[in-house]
Amino acid sequence: MLQPQDPTFQHLPLKPQWPNDLMATVTSPVESPEKSPVPVPPPGEGWPLSTTQALVPQPRSLQEAAKALPFTWLWEEKNEKGELRWLPFRRSDQPRLDAAEGKVTSAESEDIVRVEGGRWKVNLQQRSLQDCYGSDPPKESCRVLRGRWFLISNGTLTPYDEQTDEAIESAYQKLLQRAEMESSEAKPAESYEMSEEVKRAVAEGRPRTILMKLKFKANKWKFTCADQAQTGNSLFSYGKSLLESSYGVQRGFGEIERQLGEVEEEMMSKEIGHVIVLVHGIGEKMWSEEGCGLAWSSGVFRQLVHAKQLRGHGFVKAGDGWEFPGETPPEVKKDEVLEASWWETVHTDEMDARLARISLPSMKQVRQIANFTVVDALYYMHPGHKEKILKAVAKSVESALARFYEHHPDYKGSVVLAGHSLGGVILFELLRTGSPKLSFVPQVLFTMGSPVGLFLHTADSIPNRSFSLPGGTRYFNIFHPLDPVAYRVEPLIAEELEKLDPEWIPCDSDQLNWGGYKTNHALHQMGKTMYTWARGEEKAKNDLLRLIGGVALNAGDRVDWSLQEDMSMWTTVGVAGELMQALPSHSCYMKSPDVAAFIQNHSTKIAVANSLVAKHGPEMFPDASETVSGKGKGSSGTPGTPSPKSAG
């Protein structure tokens, strides 16, 4: 009787198994405390990591049941609340880990395997996962294991440690061999049962037994497996064991669903095109605890950027994947997305505890939102805390890039900064004042839903037309028209520009797309153009566009860019409708295909133009020189603005 070491259990959400009446000769029903376990949805919308367990096909014979089962590689995650759970690696990383594991004991030993697009690495000898680059602060090192057997509890799957897994598999194969021998001899009795068990110790509570049973009844073999407390010799011990839960045990994790962004990243080369560093805004502590913070947003944003790159190189969506309609698909350099976090500077345990002591007990959820969002902005406006936050953001950005360069020492491409909400304000202030000074000059700064204009206004720090960010960093101010946190910048520089509408961010969808405009905006633009022409106001508009050409902040290109959203429905229902859209409009940017395509498109165009001008001079490539200066075709915001589809 095998007695392996105790596993520390963590969980994976479970999908229901096949009902018994659909199973063939050998069945594996789930004997869980729940009568009908249901899938547990992952936290946050579109959680990038697949945590649900797929249906496991059931064997149709004893021989099929005895076949070797592929291992599933998993890693242990600890979320912001301190909760632990096991998650499967990407489907595409599973064979890489299997192949390397097969060489660990050979002369071709491969102890280290890069996974998750190269951002993480697995040490097979130590069974640990480390964060190479991708986020700052880096992900904590965590355990890795491979498993075939899972305990079922509270609608989740719990992998056993590898020693226990081997013991269970050995007992399972022994049980099937006994059944095969029994069935190959004289016909078994009408009802027959055999069993195997594996004992294991636990850190707390009574030792447990994994009991497998194989029953022959009604001309069928039926398999069951349960994890239960061991019974003692005394009546008291036996009664106590009955009160402890008994759990089902399942062989096999099932097919791993493709994780968000996995398919796109597998289609791209390992060579990096551009680096985009994302900085979060207010409320990150709360969002991250809910599973929809910067780690989730950056995963969504990365997938959208890669999808834009693939489309730009001629790939088309085909089902769940991508295909190239031509003969030889081009190599697509991957734009990498890094995360820089600063909320830990504000939300220390001491400061949060003090804030909790002074918060009123009523309206707890509303106050929690205020304590984790509004307070962030208040801290930043305090001179002492502002300097700490500026230093924290600078340090986080520098650290994220340093770890990236450590693993890509030959990278010579551009660095782009993108900040959401207050994060955009902080980045703008860092570049504007140079305190603290960054060790690099970003090619472009994109702010999304940021009140940069408001902070410049309240500080009486009004930029003039000749103001530009040091080093020639270009600046784009992106906003949703219903975002209550966002403000324009152009009318702050020249009050006449209030009359000039923000430029529309091109629509990146293939549906209802009129040259980069959504249908309703295309019709509106046509009507507005005709109205302007009929009233003889075309000259006045051209004068404003020439005025923009003299604004240095974005080298003569438009600064204010608005998403194409239909506001008519919400503006007609009054304050209630506007309030309903306040939070969604402020949190939409990193999951917007249009924003991702806009940032990728402009980063590429400016980088290419900079490279050509630096290498050959502005005389050789005048069009590229105009792009660098922001005065190329379409920079005035006219319909000549290139659609994202035309960019690589």
Foldseek 3Di string as FASTA:
>chain_A
DAEDEFFDWAWFFEDWEDDPVPAAQEAEHWDFPDPTFHGDDDFDPQFQFFRYFDYDDHDHDLVRVLDDDQWFKWWWDQFLVRGIHIGTFFPVCSVVVVVQVVCCPPPNHDQWDQGPLRQKIAGNVQQKIFGLFFEPVGDDITGMAIAFKWWDYPRTTIGGHPVVRVVVSVQVNVVSVVVVVQVVDPHDDQKDKDKDKYWYQYPDDATKIWIWMWMAHPNGTYIFIKIFGDADPDPVSNVVRVPDGITGMDGGRHDTDGGQLNQLSVQADSAAAEEEEEEEAFLQSVCRNSSRHPVRLQSLLQSLLSVLQCLLQQWDDDVPHIDHPDDDRDHTHGYGYHYFYQCCLVDPPVNVVVVVVPDDPPPVVVVVSCVGGVVRVVLCPPVVSVLVSLVSRLVRVQVSVVSVCVVVVPDDFFYEYEYAEVGLLSVVVCQAPPVPPHPDDHQEYEYELYANVVVCVVVVNQDEQQDAGPPLYAAAYEFAPLAPRYDDRVCSHPVLCVPPDAFEQFDPDPPCHDQRDRVVVVVVVVVVVVVCVVVVNPVVLVVSLVSLLSRQHRLSFGHYYYYDDDCPVQVVVPPVSSVVCHVVRSPPQSNHSSNSLSVSQLSVLLRVLVVCCVVPNCVVPVQSVCSSSQNHQCRSNPSRPHHSSNGD
